Amino acid sequence: MDAALAPWSPKALYQRLVAAVAEQEAVCQAVEESFLEGDHHGRASDKEVADWVRRVRAEAAKLEARREARARWDEGRVGGWR
């Protein structure tokens, strides 16, 4: 039974959370660079800029939520098994 529940152990969940933060940081970096590397011929339309800004904000919000979850865990504000 312990082996079956191992993926949901506190240690495994924390490792997944740390990995999720690192992965989201990479996603944010990729979204930021995608606009710069895009083929806009020196100019981008207002719609392209607005779409890009929306994507950057959405990904940054996910990153901030994951960082907050990790900070809460590190501070011991996650209950249930501590």
PDB file of N, CA and C in Angstrom:
ATOM      1  N   MET A   1       0.824  -1.184   0.000  1.00  0.00           N
ATOM      2  CA  MET A   1       0.000   0.000   0.000  1.00  0.00           C
ATOM      3  C   MET A   1       0.874   1.256   0.000  1.00  0.00           C
ATOM      4  N   ASP A   2       1.985   1.221   0.738  1.00  0.00           N
ATOM      5  CA  ASP A   2       2.878   2.388   0.764  1.00  0.00           C
ATOM      6  C   ASP A   2       3.417   2.702  -0.625  1.00  0.00           C
ATOM      7  N   ALA A   3       3.734   1.683  -1.377  1.00  0.00           N
ATOM      8  CA  ALA A   3       4.252   1.894  -2.731  1.00  0.00           C
ATOM      9  C   ALA A   3       3.187   2.523  -3.633  1.00  0.00           C
ATOM     10  N   ALA A   4       1.949   2.125  -3.453  1.00  0.00           N
ATOM     11  CA  ALA A   4       0.868   2.668  -4.264  1.00  0.00           C
ATOM     12  C   ALA A   4       0.598   4.139  -3.926  1.00  0.00           C
ATOM     13  N   LEU A   5       0.786   4.514  -2.684  1.00  0.00           N
ATOM     14  CA  LEU A   5       0.538   5.891  -2.248  1.00  0.00           C
ATOM     15  C   LEU A   5       1.769   6.786  -2.332  1.00  0.00           C
ATOM     16  N   ALA A   6       2.914   6.242  -2.698  1.00  0.00           N
ATOM     17  CA  ALA A   6       4.170   7.000  -2.748  1.00  0.00           C
ATOM     18  C   ALA A   6       4.091   8.257  -3.620  1.00  0.00           C
ATOM     19  N   PRO A   7       3.421   8.226  -4.775  1.00  0.00           N
ATOM     20  CA  PRO A   7       3.358   9.467  -5.574  1.00  0.00           C
ATOM     21  C   PRO A   7       2.634  10.614  -4.882  1.00  0.00           C
ATOM     22  N   TRP A   8       1.864  10.337  -3.851  1.00  0.00           N
ATOM     23  CA  TRP A   8       1.135  11.367  -3.128  1.00  0.00           C
ATOM     24  C   TRP A   8       1.695  11.614  -1.739  1.00  0.00           C
ATOM     25  N   SER A   9       2.905  11.148  -1.499  1.00  0.00           N
ATOM     26  CA  SER A   9       3.551  11.406  -0.217  1.00  0.00           C
ATOM     27  C   SER A   9       3.983  12.873  -0.175  1.00  0.00           C
ATOM     28  N   PRO A  10       4.152  13.435   1.008  1.00  0.00           N
ATOM     29  CA  PRO A  10       4.577  14.835   1.095  1.00  0.00           C
ATOM     30  C   PRO A  10       5.873  15.114   0.329  1.00  0.00           C
ATOM     31  N   LYS A  11       6.819  14.223   0.403  1.00  0.00           N
ATOM     32  CA  LYS A  11       8.094  14.415  -0.296  1.00  0.00           C
ATOM     33  C   LYS A  11       7.881  14.448  -1.809  1.00  0.00           C
ATOM     34  N   ALA A  12       7.102  13.539  -2.326  1.00  0.00           N
ATOM     35  CA  ALA A  12       6.847  13.483  -3.771  1.00  0.00           C
ATOM     36  C   ALA A  12       6.048  14.702  -4.239  1.00  0.00           C
ATOM     37  N   LEU A  13       5.072  15.116  -3.446  1.00  0.00           N
ATOM     38  CA  LEU A  13       4.286  16.294  -3.811  1.00  0.00           C
ATOM     39  C   LEU A  13       5.145  17.555  -3.821  1.00  0.00           C
ATOM     40  N   TYR A  14       6.041  17.668  -2.861  1.00  0.00           N
ATOM     41  CA  TYR A  14       6.928  18.830  -2.820  1.00  0.00           C
ATOM     42  C   TYR A  14       7.864  18.827  -4.028  1.00  0.00           C
ATOM     43  N   GLN A  15       8.380  17.675  -4.395  1.00  0.00           N
ATOM     44  CA  GLN A  15       9.251  17.584  -5.566  1.00  0.00           C
ATOM     45  C   GLN A  15       8.498  17.971  -6.834  1.00  0.00           C
ATOM     46  N   ARG A  16       7.244  17.545  -6.944  1.00  0.00           N
ATOM     47  CA  ARG A  16       6.427  17.926  -8.104  1.00  0.00           C
ATOM     48  C   ARG A  16       6.167  19.423  -8.120  1.00  0.00           C
ATOM     49  N   LEU A  17       5.962  20.022  -6.950  1.00  0.00           N
ATOM     50  CA  LEU A  17       5.731  21.452  -6.861  1.00  0.00           C
ATOM     51  C   LEU A  17       6.980  22.233  -7.282  1.00  0.00           C
ATOM     52  N   VAL A  18       8.129  21.809  -6.824  1.00  0.00           N
ATOM     53  CA  VAL A  18       9.388  22.458  -7.205  1.00  0.00           C
ATOM     54  C   VAL A  18       9.606  22.326  -8.714  1.00  0.00           C
ATOM     55  N   ALA A  19       9.335  21.151  -9.257  1.00  0.00           N
ATOM     56  CA  ALA A  19       9.474  20.942 -10.697  1.00  0.00           C
ATOM     57  C   ALA A  19       8.479  21.809 -11.474  1.00  0.00           C
ATOM     58  N   ALA A  20       7.282  21.961 -10.954  1.00  0.00           N
ATOM     59  CA  ALA A  20       6.263  22.779 -11.618  1.00  0.00           C
ATOM     60  C   ALA A  20       6.676  24.244 -11.648  1.00  0.00           C
ATOM     61  N   VAL A  21       7.291  24.723 -10.582  1.00  0.00           N
ATOM     62  CA  VAL A  21       7.771  26.109 -10.555  1.00  0.00           C
ATOM     63  C   VAL A  21       8.862  26.295 -11.613  1.00  0.00           C
ATOM     64  N   ALA A  22       9.797  25.377 -11.666  1.00  0.00           N
ATOM     65  CA  ALA A  22      10.881  25.472 -12.654  1.00  0.00           C
ATOM     66  C   ALA A  22      10.337  25.386 -14.080  1.00  0.00           C
ATOM     67  N   GLU A  23       9.392  24.496 -14.295  1.00  0.00           N
ATOM     68  CA  GLU A  23       8.793  24.348 -15.621  1.00  0.00           C
ATOM     69  C   GLU A  23       8.045  25.608 -16.030  1.00  0.00           C
ATOM     70  N   GLN A  24       7.310  26.208 -15.106  1.00  0.00           N
ATOM     71  CA  GLN A  24       6.556  27.414 -15.431  1.00  0.00           C
ATOM     72  C   GLN A  24       7.494  28.584 -15.701  1.00  0.00           C
ATOM     73  N   GLU A  25       8.615  28.657 -15.007  1.00  0.00           N
ATOM     74  CA  GLU A  25       9.603  29.689 -15.300  1.00  0.00           C
ATOM     75  C   GLU A  25      10.105  29.545 -16.733  1.00  0.00           C
ATOM     76  N   ALA A  26      10.333  28.316 -17.164  1.00  0.00           N
ATOM     77  CA  ALA A  26      10.778  28.065 -18.532  1.00  0.00           C
ATOM     78  C   ALA A  26       9.694  28.441 -19.541  1.00  0.00           C
ATOM     79  N   VAL A  27       8.444  28.160 -19.213  1.00  0.00           N
ATOM     80  CA  VAL A  27       7.333  28.515 -20.101  1.00  0.00           C
ATOM     81  C   VAL A  27       7.249  30.035 -20.238  1.00  0.00           C
ATOM     82  N   CYS A  28       7.361  30.749 -19.133  1.00  0.00           N
ATOM     83  CA  CYS A  28       7.315  32.214 -19.177  1.00  0.00           C
ATOM     84  C   CYS A  28       8.444  32.769 -20.037  1.00  0.00           C
ATOM     85  N   GLN A  29       9.619  32.221 -19.863  1.00  0.00           N
ATOM     86  CA  GLN A  29      10.758  32.661 -20.669  1.00  0.00           C
ATOM     87  C   GLN A  29      10.509  32.392 -22.151  1.00  0.00           C
ATOM     88  N   ALA A  30       9.960  31.232 -22.469  1.00  0.00           N
ATOM     89  CA  ALA A  30       9.687  30.878 -23.862  1.00  0.00           C
ATOM     90  C   ALA A  30       8.631  31.791 -24.472  1.00  0.00           C
ATOM     91  N   VAL A  31       7.600  32.135 -23.706  1.00  0.00           N
ATOM     92  CA  VAL A  31       6.557  33.022 -24.213  1.00  0.00           C
ATOM     93  C   VAL A  31       7.136  34.411 -24.486  1.00  0.00           C
ATOM     94  N   GLU A  32       7.973  34.885 -23.583  1.00  0.00           N
ATOM     95  CA  GLU A  32       8.590  36.191 -23.783  1.00  0.00           C
ATOM     96  C   GLU A  32       9.468  36.198 -25.031  1.00  0.00           C
ATOM     97  N   GLU A  33      10.254  35.148 -25.203  1.00  0.00           N
ATOM     98  CA  GLU A  33      11.156  35.082 -26.348  1.00  0.00           C
ATOM     99  C   GLU A  33      10.413  34.816 -27.656  1.00  0.00           C
ATOM    100  N   SER A  34       9.270  34.168 -27.599  1.00  0.00           N
ATOM    101  CA  SER A  34       8.537  33.834 -28.814  1.00  0.00           C
ATOM    102  C   SER A  34       8.127  35.082 -29.585  1.00  0.00           C
ATOM    103  N   PHE A  35       7.789  36.130 -28.870  1.00  0.00           N
ATOM    104  CA  PHE A  35       7.393  37.362 -29.545  1.00  0.00           C
ATOM    105  C   PHE A  35       8.593  38.031 -30.197  1.00  0.00           C
ATOM    106  N   LEU A  36       9.711  38.006 -29.493  1.00  0.00           N
ATOM    107  CA  LEU A  36      10.909  38.643 -30.034  1.00  0.00           C
ATOM    108  C   LEU A  36      11.442  37.904 -31.252  1.00  0.00           C
ATOM    109  N   GLU A  37      11.258  36.604 -31.274  1.00  0.00           N
ATOM    110  CA  GLU A  37      11.755  35.793 -32.381  1.00  0.00           C
ATOM    111  C   GLU A  37      10.740  35.666 -33.510  1.00  0.00           C
ATOM    112  N   GLY A  38       9.546  36.187 -33.304  1.00  0.00           N
ATOM    113  CA  GLY A  38       8.496  36.082 -34.315  1.00  0.00           C
ATOM    114  C   GLY A  38       8.840  36.863 -35.574  1.00  0.00           C
ATOM    115  N   ASP A  39       8.176  36.512 -36.651  1.00  0.00           N
ATOM    116  CA  ASP A  39       8.416  37.148 -37.936  1.00  0.00           C
ATOM    117  C   ASP A  39       7.443  38.308 -38.111  1.00  0.00           C
ATOM    118  N   HIS A  40       7.786  39.441 -37.496  1.00  0.00           N
ATOM    119  CA  HIS A  40       6.912  40.607 -37.534  1.00  0.00           C
ATOM    120  C   HIS A  40       7.447  41.675 -38.494  1.00  0.00           C
ATOM    121  N   HIS A  41       8.578  41.454 -39.094  1.00  0.00           N
ATOM    122  CA  HIS A  41       9.197  42.401 -40.028  1.00  0.00           C
ATOM    123  C   HIS A  41       9.347  43.791 -39.404  1.00  0.00           C
ATOM    124  N   GLY A  42       9.739  43.814 -38.154  1.00  0.00           N
ATOM    125  CA  GLY A  42       9.972  45.087 -37.484  1.00  0.00           C
ATOM    126  C   GLY A  42       8.740  45.723 -36.876  1.00  0.00           C
ATOM    127  N   ARG A  43       7.557  45.248 -37.230  1.00  0.00           N
ATOM    128  CA  ARG A  43       6.324  45.817 -36.684  1.00  0.00           C
ATOM    129  C   ARG A  43       5.337  44.687 -36.400  1.00  0.00           C
ATOM    130  N   ALA A  44       4.617  44.857 -35.328  1.00  0.00           N
ATOM    131  CA  ALA A  44       3.581  43.885 -34.974  1.00  0.00           C
ATOM    132  C   ALA A  44       2.247  44.624 -34.896  1.00  0.00           C
ATOM    133  N   SER A  45       1.191  43.941 -35.247  1.00  0.00           N
ATOM    134  CA  SER A  45      -0.128  44.563 -35.184  1.00  0.00           C
ATOM    135  C   SER A  45      -0.573  44.688 -33.728  1.00  0.00           C
ATOM    136  N   ASP A  46      -1.551  45.528 -33.509  1.00  0.00           N
ATOM    137  CA  ASP A  46      -2.078  45.707 -32.155  1.00  0.00           C
ATOM    138  C   ASP A  46      -2.660  44.408 -31.620  1.00  0.00           C
ATOM    139  N   LYS A  47      -3.294  43.635 -32.484  1.00  0.00           N
ATOM    140  CA  LYS A  47      -3.879  42.361 -32.068  1.00  0.00           C
ATOM    141  C   LYS A  47      -2.788  41.386 -31.633  1.00  0.00           C
ATOM    142  N   GLU A  48      -1.699  41.326 -32.384  1.00  0.00           N
ATOM    143  CA  GLU A  48      -0.591  40.433 -32.016  1.00  0.00           C
ATOM    144  C   GLU A  48       0.008  40.833 -30.677  1.00  0.00           C
ATOM    145  N   VAL A  49       0.182  42.109 -30.465  1.00  0.00           N
ATOM    146  CA  VAL A  49       0.738  42.591 -29.198  1.00  0.00           C
ATOM    147  C   VAL A  49      -0.225  42.283 -28.057  1.00  0.00           C
ATOM    148  N   ALA A  50      -1.508  42.542 -28.261  1.00  0.00           N
ATOM    149  CA  ALA A  50      -2.500  42.282 -27.208  1.00  0.00           C
ATOM    150  C   ALA A  50      -2.564  40.796 -26.865  1.00  0.00           C
ATOM    151  N   ASP A  51      -2.525  39.934 -27.887  1.00  0.00           N
ATOM    152  CA  ASP A  51      -2.534  38.491 -27.637  1.00  0.00           C
ATOM    153  C   ASP A  51      -1.297  38.067 -26.860  1.00  0.00           C
ATOM    154  N   TRP A  52      -0.157  38.620 -27.234  1.00  0.00           N
ATOM    155  CA  TRP A  52       1.092  38.266 -26.558  1.00  0.00           C
ATOM    156  C   TRP A  52       1.076  38.732 -25.106  1.00  0.00           C
ATOM    157  N   VAL A  53       0.604  39.942 -24.879  1.00  0.00           N
ATOM    158  CA  VAL A  53       0.533  40.464 -23.509  1.00  0.00           C
ATOM    159  C   VAL A  53      -0.406  39.606 -22.669  1.00  0.00           C
ATOM    160  N   ARG A  54      -1.530  39.191 -23.249  1.00  0.00           N
ATOM    161  CA  ARG A  54      -2.472  38.323 -22.524  1.00  0.00           C
ATOM    162  C   ARG A  54      -1.809  36.999 -22.157  1.00  0.00           C
ATOM    163  N   ARG A  55      -1.052  36.419 -23.094  1.00  0.00           N
ATOM    164  CA  ARG A  55      -0.362  35.149 -22.821  1.00  0.00           C
ATOM    165  C   ARG A  55       0.695  35.324 -21.734  1.00  0.00           C
ATOM    166  N   VAL A  56       1.454  36.417 -21.809  1.00  0.00           N
ATOM    167  CA  VAL A  56       2.490  36.671 -20.800  1.00  0.00           C
ATOM    168  C   VAL A  56       1.853  36.814 -19.423  1.00  0.00           C
ATOM    169  N   ARG A  57       0.775  37.561 -19.336  1.00  0.00           N
ATOM    170  CA  ARG A  57       0.106  37.757 -18.049  1.00  0.00           C
ATOM    171  C   ARG A  57      -0.469  36.449 -17.501  1.00  0.00           C
ATOM    172  N   ALA A  58      -1.048  35.647 -18.372  1.00  0.00           N
ATOM    173  CA  ALA A  58      -1.631  34.375 -17.927  1.00  0.00           C
ATOM    174  C   ALA A  58      -0.542  33.441 -17.397  1.00  0.00           C
ATOM    175  N   GLU A  59       0.555  33.345 -18.134  1.00  0.00           N
ATOM    176  CA  GLU A  59       1.642  32.460 -17.695  1.00  0.00           C
ATOM    177  C   GLU A  59       2.304  32.992 -16.430  1.00  0.00           C
ATOM    178  N   ALA A  60       2.441  34.308 -16.326  1.00  0.00           N
ATOM    179  CA  ALA A  60       3.030  34.899 -15.122  1.00  0.00           C
ATOM    180  C   ALA A  60       2.135  34.673 -13.912  1.00  0.00           C
ATOM    181  N   ALA A  61       0.831  34.692 -14.106  1.00  0.00           N
ATOM    182  CA  ALA A  61      -0.099  34.435 -12.996  1.00  0.00           C
ATOM    183  C   ALA A  61       0.042  33.002 -12.502  1.00  0.00           C
ATOM    184  N   LYS A  62       0.185  32.057 -13.429  1.00  0.00           N
ATOM    185  CA  LYS A  62       0.395  30.659 -13.034  1.00  0.00           C
ATOM    186  C   LYS A  62       1.690  30.519 -12.248  1.00  0.00           C
ATOM    187  N   LEU A  63       2.743  31.188 -12.732  1.00  0.00           N
ATOM    188  CA  LEU A  63       4.034  31.121 -12.045  1.00  0.00           C
ATOM    189  C   LEU A  63       3.923  31.688 -10.644  1.00  0.00           C
ATOM    190  N   GLU A  64       3.271  32.822 -10.507  1.00  0.00           N
ATOM    191  CA  GLU A  64       3.131  33.433  -9.190  1.00  0.00           C
ATOM    192  C   GLU A  64       2.332  32.539  -8.243  1.00  0.00           C
ATOM    193  N   ALA A  65       1.300  31.893  -8.742  1.00  0.00           N
ATOM    194  CA  ALA A  65       0.506  30.992  -7.898  1.00  0.00           C
ATOM    195  C   ALA A  65       1.349  29.806  -7.432  1.00  0.00           C
ATOM    196  N   ARG A  66       2.155  29.282  -8.327  1.00  0.00           N
ATOM    197  CA  ARG A  66       3.012  28.150  -7.950  1.00  0.00           C
ATOM    198  C   ARG A  66       4.090  28.581  -6.968  1.00  0.00           C
ATOM    199  N   ARG A  67       4.646  29.766  -7.165  1.00  0.00           N
ATOM    200  CA  ARG A  67       5.647  30.267  -6.209  1.00  0.00           C
ATOM    201  C   ARG A  67       5.016  30.498  -4.842  1.00  0.00           C
ATOM    202  N   GLU A  68       3.807  31.014  -4.831  1.00  0.00           N
ATOM    203  CA  GLU A  68       3.108  31.236  -3.564  1.00  0.00           C
ATOM    204  C   GLU A  68       2.831  29.913  -2.856  1.00  0.00           C
ATOM    205  N   ALA A  69       2.438  28.904  -3.611  1.00  0.00           N
ATOM    206  CA  ALA A  69       2.199  27.583  -3.017  1.00  0.00           C
ATOM    207  C   ALA A  69       3.482  27.030  -2.413  1.00  0.00           C
ATOM    208  N   ARG A  70       4.586  27.206  -3.123  1.00  0.00           N
ATOM    209  CA  ARG A  70       5.866  26.718  -2.596  1.00  0.00           C
ATOM    210  C   ARG A  70       6.274  27.510  -1.357  1.00  0.00           C
ATOM    211  N   ALA A  71       6.065  28.815  -1.366  1.00  0.00           N
ATOM    212  CA  ALA A  71       6.396  29.632  -0.199  1.00  0.00           C
ATOM    213  C   ALA A  71       5.559  29.215   1.003  1.00  0.00           C
ATOM    214  N   ARG A  72       4.285  28.950   0.764  1.00  0.00           N
ATOM    215  CA  ARG A  72       3.424  28.484   1.859  1.00  0.00           C
ATOM    216  C   ARG A  72       3.927  27.166   2.411  1.00  0.00           C
ATOM    217  N   TRP A  73       4.333  26.271   1.518  1.00  0.00           N
ATOM    218  CA  TRP A  73       4.838  24.962   1.955  1.00  0.00           C
ATOM    219  C   TRP A  73       6.110  25.158   2.765  1.00  0.00           C
ATOM    220  N   ASP A  74       7.026  25.992   2.243  1.00  0.00           N
ATOM    221  CA  ASP A  74       8.305  26.222   2.935  1.00  0.00           C
ATOM    222  C   ASP A  74       8.111  26.849   4.309  1.00  0.00           C
ATOM    223  N   GLU A  75       7.073  27.664   4.453  1.00  0.00           N
ATOM    224  CA  GLU A  75       6.790  28.300   5.739  1.00  0.00           C
ATOM    225  C   GLU A  75       6.018  27.387   6.687  1.00  0.00           C
ATOM    226  N   GLY A  76       5.611  26.228   6.218  1.00  0.00           N
ATOM    227  CA  GLY A  76       4.872  25.310   7.062  1.00  0.00           C
ATOM    228  C   GLY A  76       3.395  25.633   7.148  1.00  0.00           C
ATOM    229  N   ARG A  77       2.868  26.389   6.195  1.00  0.00           N
ATOM    230  CA  ARG A  77       1.450  26.750   6.212  1.00  0.00           C
ATOM    231  C   ARG A  77       0.589  25.760   5.444  1.00  0.00           C
ATOM    232  N   VAL A  78       1.169  24.630   5.061  1.00  0.00           N
ATOM    233  CA  VAL A  78       0.399  23.568   4.408  1.00  0.00           C
ATOM    234  C   VAL A  78       0.087  22.542   5.477  1.00  0.00           C
ATOM    235  N   GLY A  79      -1.183  22.303   5.694  1.00  0.00           N
ATOM    236  CA  GLY A  79      -1.575  21.399   6.770  1.00  0.00           C
ATOM    237  C   GLY A  79      -1.869  20.006   6.307  1.00  0.00           C
ATOM    238  N   GLY A  80      -2.157  19.157   7.247  1.00  0.00           N
ATOM    239  CA  GLY A  80      -2.576  17.805   6.931  1.00  0.00           C
ATOM    240  C   GLY A  80      -1.572  16.744   7.344  1.00  0.00           C
ATOM    241  N   TRP A  81      -0.298  16.987   7.099  1.00  0.00           N
ATOM    242  CA  TRP A  81       0.693  15.956   7.428  1.00  0.00           C
ATOM    243  C   TRP A  81       1.881  16.490   8.175  1.00  0.00           C
ATOM    244  N   ARG A  82       1.911  17.738   8.504  1.00  0.00           N
ATOM    245  CA  ARG A  82       3.067  18.281   9.227  1.00  0.00           C
ATOM    246  C   ARG A  82       2.824  18.249  10.712  1.00  0.00           C
TER     247      ARG A  82
END
